[in-house]
Amino acid sequence: MRRLIRTSLAALGVLLSVVRATAEPEAIAADRVCSHIGAPFVEPCRTIHGNLVWGGDNIQVRIYPSGTKRILGYADGALRCALPRELEEVLAATPVVEADVTIRPVTTSKPGVMQFVCIASASNVRSKR
């Protein structure tokens, strides 16, 4: 009887891990961020100007919007959106750039708390060495 229960529990664990793995949502491509409807976004896209800094931790890109004291964050792997490949390549070569960035918030804005965003695109990218 105990063997049957152990076998059943093991099979249930395997089944749950398969269901969980297939239920993982696919990442939203950068060029589809603004047109995507529903979760995980809490606001529409908007374009801001600021400095982008390549992160060395779980925040892959930090965005410092010009004229504010805010910090916006793109967290690699935690968000369901892909970073634009061109931007990833530029930041890998030059860890600090200034750009116009089209973002879409994933979390609501709260004073003193980093707001997480997806990055749809970047233009007018300039190195800030």
Protein backbone atom coordinates (compact mmCIF):
# COMPACT_ATOMS: atom_id res chain seq x y z
CA MET A 1 0.00 0.00 0.00
CA ARG A 2 2.77 2.46 0.94
CA ARG A 3 4.58 1.63 -2.28
CA LEU A 4 1.45 2.41 -4.27
CA ILE A 5 1.04 5.75 -2.49
CA ARG A 6 4.72 6.66 -3.05
CA THR A 7 4.46 5.74 -6.74
CA SER A 8 1.26 7.74 -7.12
CA LEU A 9 2.79 10.79 -5.43
CA ALA A 10 5.88 10.57 -7.65
CA ALA A 11 3.71 10.36 -10.77
CA LEU A 12 1.65 13.31 -9.56
CA GLY A 13 4.84 15.34 -9.03
CA VAL A 14 6.02 14.60 -12.57
CA LEU A 15 2.59 15.48 -13.97
CA LEU A 16 2.49 18.78 -12.07
CA SER A 17 5.97 19.75 -13.26
CA VAL A 18 5.00 19.02 -16.88
CA VAL A 19 1.77 21.04 -16.53
CA ARG A 20 3.68 23.91 -14.88
CA ALA A 21 6.35 23.90 -17.61
CA THR A 22 3.82 23.95 -20.45
CA ALA A 23 1.79 26.65 -18.70
CA GLU A 24 4.76 29.07 -18.73
CA PRO A 25 3.76 31.90 -21.05
CA GLU A 26 5.94 32.65 -24.04
CA ALA A 27 7.92 35.89 -23.98
CA ILE A 28 6.33 38.82 -25.81
CA ALA A 29 8.59 40.02 -28.62
CA ALA A 30 9.75 43.64 -28.31
CA ASP A 31 7.95 44.63 -31.52
CA ARG A 32 4.66 43.31 -30.04
CA VAL A 33 4.89 44.95 -26.61
CA CYS A 34 2.80 48.03 -27.53
CA SER A 35 0.12 46.08 -29.39
CA HIS A 36 -0.23 43.32 -26.77
CA ILE A 37 -3.59 43.27 -25.00
CA GLY A 38 -3.94 42.42 -21.33
CA ALA A 39 -1.50 41.01 -18.78
CA PRO A 40 1.20 41.64 -17.78
CA PHE A 41 0.85 45.33 -18.67
CA VAL A 42 -0.80 47.96 -16.46
CA GLU A 43 -0.51 51.01 -18.78
CA PRO A 44 -0.10 51.72 -22.50
CA CYS A 45 3.27 52.41 -24.15
CA ARG A 46 4.94 55.78 -23.84
CA THR A 47 8.26 57.20 -24.97
CA ILE A 48 10.69 58.73 -22.50
CA HIS A 49 14.20 60.16 -22.78
CA GLY A 50 16.88 59.06 -20.36
CA ASN A 51 20.00 57.10 -19.55
CA LEU A 52 20.04 53.32 -19.77
CA VAL A 53 22.53 51.40 -17.67
CA TRP A 54 23.38 47.74 -18.18
CA GLY A 55 22.85 46.02 -14.82
CA GLY A 56 25.06 43.48 -13.13
CA ASP A 57 22.32 41.78 -11.16
CA ASN A 58 18.74 40.64 -11.69
CA ILE A 59 17.82 44.10 -13.02
CA GLN A 60 19.28 43.76 -16.51
CA VAL A 61 18.64 47.37 -17.55
CA ARG A 62 18.03 50.39 -15.35
CA ILE A 63 16.43 53.43 -16.95
CA TYR A 64 16.92 56.87 -15.43
CA PRO A 65 14.29 59.14 -17.08
CA SER A 66 15.58 62.69 -17.67
CA GLY A 67 14.18 65.33 -15.33
CA THR A 68 13.06 62.87 -12.65
CA LYS A 69 14.48 60.98 -9.69
CA ARG A 70 12.79 57.77 -10.82
CA ILE A 71 14.47 54.51 -11.73
CA LEU A 72 12.69 52.12 -14.05
CA GLY A 73 13.83 48.54 -14.31
CA TYR A 74 13.83 45.77 -16.89
CA ALA A 75 14.35 42.49 -15.03
CA ASP A 76 15.70 39.74 -17.22
CA GLY A 77 13.65 36.57 -16.91
CA ALA A 78 11.13 38.02 -14.47
CA LEU A 79 9.13 39.80 -17.15
CA ARG A 80 7.26 38.19 -20.03
CA CYS A 81 8.86 40.42 -22.65
CA ALA A 82 12.05 40.20 -24.63
CA LEU A 83 14.61 43.01 -24.71
CA PRO A 84 15.08 44.46 -28.21
CA ARG A 85 18.13 42.67 -29.66
CA GLU A 86 19.69 45.90 -31.02
CA LEU A 87 19.50 47.52 -27.58
CA GLU A 88 20.97 44.44 -25.91
CA GLU A 89 23.92 44.52 -28.34
CA VAL A 90 24.55 48.26 -27.80
CA LEU A 91 24.41 47.94 -24.00
CA ALA A 92 26.74 44.93 -24.05
CA ALA A 93 29.34 47.07 -25.85
CA THR A 94 28.65 50.37 -24.07
CA PRO A 95 27.11 49.86 -20.62
CA VAL A 96 25.68 53.41 -20.38
CA VAL A 97 23.71 55.03 -23.19
CA GLU A 98 21.33 57.95 -23.61
CA ALA A 99 18.24 57.27 -25.72
CA ASP A 100 14.58 57.80 -26.43
CA VAL A 101 12.97 54.63 -25.13
CA THR A 102 9.46 53.33 -25.72
CA ILE A 103 8.40 51.51 -22.56
CA ARG A 104 5.30 49.78 -21.26
CA PRO A 105 4.83 49.47 -17.47
CA VAL A 106 4.32 46.07 -15.90
CA THR A 107 3.90 47.43 -12.37
CA THR A 108 2.17 50.57 -11.16
CA SER A 109 4.20 53.66 -10.28
CA LYS A 110 4.72 54.14 -6.53
CA PRO A 111 6.95 56.75 -4.86
CA GLY A 112 10.26 55.27 -3.72
CA VAL A 113 9.71 51.96 -5.50
CA MET A 114 11.33 50.87 -8.77
CA GLN A 115 8.71 50.51 -11.48
CA PHE A 116 9.22 47.54 -13.80
CA VAL A 117 8.75 48.03 -17.52
CA CYS A 118 9.11 46.23 -20.82
CA ILE A 119 11.17 47.99 -23.48
CA ALA A 120 9.54 48.06 -26.91
CA SER A 121 12.24 50.06 -28.71
CA ALA A 122 15.05 52.58 -28.40
CA SER A 123 16.00 55.36 -30.81
CA ASN A 124 18.55 58.19 -30.91
CA VAL A 125 20.93 55.97 -28.95
CA ARG A 126 24.17 57.72 -27.93
CA SER A 127 27.10 56.34 -25.97
CA LYS A 128 27.80 57.98 -22.56
CA ARG A 129 31.30 56.78 -21.67
